[in-house]
Amino acid sequence: MSYALINTLHLLGAIAFVGTLFFQVFILAPVSRRLPEQERSRLSVALGQRARRVIHWVALVLYGAGIALGWQYRGALAQPFSSHFSAVLSVKIVLALLIVLHYVVLIFLRRGNRIGPHGMQLLNISLLMHAVLVVVCAKAMFAL
């Protein structure tokens, strides 16, 4: 697969991922607070099921393409602080791994029913902040 295709898939995956988080934090959460509890519950279940189906594919494309792109820069990653590019790429990878860690924690919290709506909102805000930082790093790798 060509570098340009992998890079395009990675970019599209990032757009879908960050867009989903943006929607959840800035649109869905404020609107759902205005709904009666029964409607909010039904909406949450329906959207949650759909979002999990879609986001798994998005994450697969995003992280799969990211790994393929990272492989192209394995030489730079071998010495993460030898250049601005390799340092920012290393930070970007750490942030991406922290996003994965968020989802692992979320799985354990959901299994034990230990996360409520407020906890989910905080988790989504944290995920969005991490994702935005990843995007800023991606831009900084080539712009600075």
C-alpha atoms as a PDB file:
ATOM      1  CA  MET A   1       0.000   0.000   0.000  1.00  0.00           C
ATOM      2  CA  SER A   2       1.371   3.410  -0.896  1.00  0.00           C
ATOM      3  CA  TYR A   3       2.445   5.973   1.674  1.00  0.00           C
ATOM      4  CA  ALA A   4      -0.079   8.479   0.303  1.00  0.00           C
ATOM      5  CA  LEU A   5      -2.964   6.019   0.709  1.00  0.00           C
ATOM      6  CA  ILE A   6      -1.918   5.073   4.242  1.00  0.00           C
ATOM      7  CA  ASN A   7      -1.528   8.743   5.153  1.00  0.00           C
ATOM      8  CA  THR A   8      -4.981   9.524   3.708  1.00  0.00           C
ATOM      9  CA  LEU A   9      -6.589   6.667   5.649  1.00  0.00           C
ATOM     10  CA  HIS A  10      -4.882   7.896   8.821  1.00  0.00           C
ATOM     11  CA  LEU A  11      -6.122  11.436   8.224  1.00  0.00           C
ATOM     12  CA  LEU A  12      -9.699  10.299   7.512  1.00  0.00           C
ATOM     13  CA  GLY A  13      -9.665   8.088  10.606  1.00  0.00           C
ATOM     14  CA  ALA A  14      -8.454  11.029  12.704  1.00  0.00           C
ATOM     15  CA  ILE A  15     -11.188  13.272  11.307  1.00  0.00           C
ATOM     16  CA  ALA A  16     -13.860  10.678  12.142  1.00  0.00           C
ATOM     17  CA  PHE A  17     -12.438  10.011  15.612  1.00  0.00           C
ATOM     18  CA  VAL A  18     -12.017  13.648  16.649  1.00  0.00           C
ATOM     19  CA  GLY A  19     -15.351  14.553  15.042  1.00  0.00           C
ATOM     20  CA  THR A  20     -17.133  11.876  17.048  1.00  0.00           C
ATOM     21  CA  LEU A  21     -15.577  13.116  20.276  1.00  0.00           C
ATOM     22  CA  PHE A  22     -16.393  16.716  19.396  1.00  0.00           C
ATOM     23  CA  PHE A  23     -20.012  15.718  18.732  1.00  0.00           C
ATOM     24  CA  GLN A  24     -20.253  13.859  22.045  1.00  0.00           C
ATOM     25  CA  VAL A  25     -18.754  16.649  24.155  1.00  0.00           C
ATOM     26  CA  PHE A  26     -20.184  19.784  22.569  1.00  0.00           C
ATOM     27  CA  ILE A  27     -23.497  18.640  21.048  1.00  0.00           C
ATOM     28  CA  LEU A  28     -24.794  15.368  22.458  1.00  0.00           C
ATOM     29  CA  ALA A  29     -24.024  15.903  26.147  1.00  0.00           C
ATOM     30  CA  PRO A  30     -25.611  19.376  26.404  1.00  0.00           C
ATOM     31  CA  VAL A  31     -28.702  18.301  24.437  1.00  0.00           C
ATOM     32  CA  SER A  32     -29.184  15.076  26.384  1.00  0.00           C
ATOM     33  CA  ARG A  33     -29.176  16.994  29.688  1.00  0.00           C
ATOM     34  CA  ARG A  34     -32.357  18.748  28.524  1.00  0.00           C
ATOM     35  CA  LEU A  35     -34.195  15.497  27.818  1.00  0.00           C
ATOM     36  CA  PRO A  36     -36.366  13.676  30.336  1.00  0.00           C
ATOM     37  CA  GLU A  37     -34.594  10.756  31.999  1.00  0.00           C
ATOM     38  CA  GLN A  38     -36.489   8.064  30.041  1.00  0.00           C
ATOM     39  CA  GLU A  39     -35.687   9.635  26.666  1.00  0.00           C
ATOM     40  CA  ARG A  40     -32.079  10.283  27.701  1.00  0.00           C
ATOM     41  CA  SER A  41     -31.701   6.638  28.656  1.00  0.00           C
ATOM     42  CA  ARG A  42     -33.131   5.379  25.352  1.00  0.00           C
ATOM     43  CA  LEU A  43     -30.967   7.803  23.377  1.00  0.00           C
ATOM     44  CA  SER A  44     -27.882   6.805  25.329  1.00  0.00           C
ATOM     45  CA  VAL A  45     -28.416   3.095  24.705  1.00  0.00           C
ATOM     46  CA  ALA A  46     -29.152   3.520  20.990  1.00  0.00           C
ATOM     47  CA  LEU A  47     -26.288   5.915  20.321  1.00  0.00           C
ATOM     48  CA  GLY A  48     -23.893   3.926  22.473  1.00  0.00           C
ATOM     49  CA  GLN A  49     -24.514   0.737  20.538  1.00  0.00           C
ATOM     50  CA  ARG A  50     -24.111   2.452  17.186  1.00  0.00           C
ATOM     51  CA  ALA A  51     -21.087   4.479  18.240  1.00  0.00           C
ATOM     52  CA  ARG A  52     -19.264   1.398  19.514  1.00  0.00           C
ATOM     53  CA  ARG A  53     -19.808  -0.394  16.192  1.00  0.00           C
ATOM     54  CA  VAL A  54     -18.564   2.541  14.156  1.00  0.00           C
ATOM     55  CA  ILE A  55     -15.732   3.688  16.407  1.00  0.00           C
ATOM     56  CA  HIS A  56     -14.176   0.205  16.457  1.00  0.00           C
ATOM     57  CA  TRP A  57     -13.744   0.347  12.671  1.00  0.00           C
ATOM     58  CA  VAL A  58     -12.559   3.938  12.821  1.00  0.00           C
ATOM     59  CA  ALA A  59     -10.003   3.025  15.489  1.00  0.00           C
ATOM     60  CA  LEU A  60      -8.828   0.035  13.469  1.00  0.00           C
ATOM     61  CA  VAL A  61      -8.217   2.218  10.406  1.00  0.00           C
ATOM     62  CA  LEU A  62      -6.716   5.068  12.437  1.00  0.00           C
ATOM     63  CA  TYR A  63      -4.341   2.984  14.531  1.00  0.00           C
ATOM     64  CA  GLY A  64      -3.554   0.507  11.743  1.00  0.00           C
ATOM     65  CA  ALA A  65      -2.556   3.326   9.411  1.00  0.00           C
ATOM     66  CA  GLY A  66      -0.719   5.027  12.278  1.00  0.00           C
ATOM     67  CA  ILE A  67       1.358   1.904  12.906  1.00  0.00           C
ATOM     68  CA  ALA A  68       2.108   1.622   9.189  1.00  0.00           C
ATOM     69  CA  LEU A  69       3.175   5.278   9.101  1.00  0.00           C
ATOM     70  CA  GLY A  70       5.236   4.865  12.257  1.00  0.00           C
ATOM     71  CA  TRP A  71       7.039   1.958  10.638  1.00  0.00           C
ATOM     72  CA  GLN A  72       8.150   4.323   7.874  1.00  0.00           C
ATOM     73  CA  TYR A  73       9.833   6.468  10.541  1.00  0.00           C
ATOM     74  CA  ARG A  74      11.311   3.702  12.681  1.00  0.00           C
ATOM     75  CA  GLY A  75      14.777   5.184  12.205  1.00  0.00           C
ATOM     76  CA  ALA A  76      13.668   8.520  13.639  1.00  0.00           C
ATOM     77  CA  LEU A  77      11.830   6.744  16.467  1.00  0.00           C
ATOM     78  CA  ALA A  78      14.980   4.817  17.395  1.00  0.00           C
ATOM     79  CA  GLN A  79      16.435   8.161  18.568  1.00  0.00           C
ATOM     80  CA  PRO A  80      13.362  10.044  19.786  1.00  0.00           C
ATOM     81  CA  PHE A  81      15.153  13.240  20.830  1.00  0.00           C
ATOM     82  CA  SER A  82      17.638  13.529  17.980  1.00  0.00           C
ATOM     83  CA  SER A  83      15.451  15.969  16.047  1.00  0.00           C
ATOM     84  CA  HIS A  84      12.355  18.088  16.417  1.00  0.00           C
ATOM     85  CA  PHE A  85      10.465  15.722  14.099  1.00  0.00           C
ATOM     86  CA  SER A  86      11.324  12.563  16.043  1.00  0.00           C
ATOM     87  CA  ALA A  87      10.589  14.218  19.415  1.00  0.00           C
ATOM     88  CA  VAL A  88       7.146  15.425  18.303  1.00  0.00           C
ATOM     89  CA  LEU A  89       6.388  12.067  16.655  1.00  0.00           C
ATOM     90  CA  SER A  90       7.313  10.315  19.907  1.00  0.00           C
ATOM     91  CA  VAL A  91       5.010  12.608  21.905  1.00  0.00           C
ATOM     92  CA  LYS A  92       2.243  11.980  19.361  1.00  0.00           C
ATOM     93  CA  ILE A  93       2.622   8.216  19.785  1.00  0.00           C
ATOM     94  CA  VAL A  94       2.565   8.483  23.593  1.00  0.00           C
ATOM     95  CA  LEU A  95      -0.629  10.567  23.397  1.00  0.00           C
ATOM     96  CA  ALA A  96      -2.203   8.011  21.039  1.00  0.00           C
ATOM     97  CA  LEU A  97      -1.334   5.232  23.486  1.00  0.00           C
ATOM     98  CA  LEU A  98      -2.907   7.252  26.312  1.00  0.00           C
ATOM     99  CA  ILE A  99      -6.113   7.374  24.260  1.00  0.00           C
ATOM    100  CA  VAL A 100      -6.045   3.578  24.034  1.00  0.00           C
ATOM    101  CA  LEU A 101      -5.505   3.468  27.798  1.00  0.00           C
ATOM    102  CA  HIS A 102      -8.632   5.627  28.266  1.00  0.00           C
ATOM    103  CA  TYR A 103     -10.667   3.007  26.413  1.00  0.00           C
ATOM    104  CA  VAL A 104      -9.163   0.137  28.408  1.00  0.00           C
ATOM    105  CA  VAL A 105     -10.100   1.931  31.646  1.00  0.00           C
ATOM    106  CA  LEU A 106     -13.573   2.621  30.243  1.00  0.00           C
ATOM    107  CA  ILE A 107     -14.107  -1.093  29.530  1.00  0.00           C
ATOM    108  CA  PHE A 108     -13.283  -1.990  33.142  1.00  0.00           C
ATOM    109  CA  LEU A 109     -15.426   0.825  34.541  1.00  0.00           C
ATOM    110  CA  ARG A 110     -18.405  -0.213  32.417  1.00  0.00           C
ATOM    111  CA  ARG A 111     -18.117  -3.880  33.361  1.00  0.00           C
ATOM    112  CA  GLY A 112     -18.423  -3.017  37.028  1.00  0.00           C
ATOM    113  CA  ASN A 113     -21.073  -0.325  36.446  1.00  0.00           C
ATOM    114  CA  ARG A 114     -18.689   2.124  38.118  1.00  0.00           C
ATOM    115  CA  ILE A 115     -19.087   5.020  35.715  1.00  0.00           C
ATOM    116  CA  GLY A 116     -22.059   7.321  35.469  1.00  0.00           C
ATOM    117  CA  PRO A 117     -23.006  10.102  33.068  1.00  0.00           C
ATOM    118  CA  HIS A 118     -20.724  12.652  34.750  1.00  0.00           C
ATOM    119  CA  GLY A 119     -17.776  10.244  34.636  1.00  0.00           C
ATOM    120  CA  MET A 120     -18.446   9.549  30.958  1.00  0.00           C
ATOM    121  CA  GLN A 121     -18.553  13.276  30.253  1.00  0.00           C
ATOM    122  CA  LEU A 122     -15.189  13.777  31.987  1.00  0.00           C
ATOM    123  CA  LEU A 123     -13.717  10.825  30.121  1.00  0.00           C
ATOM    124  CA  ASN A 124     -14.968  12.187  26.787  1.00  0.00           C
ATOM    125  CA  ILE A 125     -13.508  15.620  27.547  1.00  0.00           C
ATOM    126  CA  SER A 126     -10.165  14.035  28.410  1.00  0.00           C
ATOM    127  CA  LEU A 127     -10.252  11.946  25.242  1.00  0.00           C
ATOM    128  CA  LEU A 128     -11.044  15.019  23.152  1.00  0.00           C
ATOM    129  CA  MET A 129      -8.184  16.984  24.720  1.00  0.00           C
ATOM    130  CA  HIS A 130      -5.740  14.145  24.060  1.00  0.00           C
ATOM    131  CA  ALA A 131      -6.991  13.753  20.479  1.00  0.00           C
ATOM    132  CA  VAL A 132      -6.640  17.490  19.815  1.00  0.00           C
ATOM    133  CA  LEU A 133      -3.080  17.369  21.169  1.00  0.00           C
ATOM    134  CA  VAL A 134      -2.345  14.473  18.792  1.00  0.00           C
ATOM    135  CA  VAL A 135      -3.616  16.604  15.895  1.00  0.00           C
ATOM    136  CA  VAL A 136      -1.484  19.553  17.030  1.00  0.00           C
ATOM    137  CA  CYS A 137       1.550  17.239  17.187  1.00  0.00           C
ATOM    138  CA  ALA A 138       0.801  15.929  13.708  1.00  0.00           C
ATOM    139  CA  LYS A 139       0.782  19.470  12.380  1.00  0.00           C
ATOM    140  CA  ALA A 140       3.900  20.419  14.352  1.00  0.00           C
ATOM    141  CA  MET A 141       5.859  17.462  12.956  1.00  0.00           C
ATOM    142  CA  PHE A 142       5.886  19.016   9.503  1.00  0.00           C
ATOM    143  CA  ALA A 143       5.181  22.715  10.103  1.00  0.00           C
ATOM    144  CA  LEU A 144       7.850  23.664  12.628  1.00  0.00           C
END
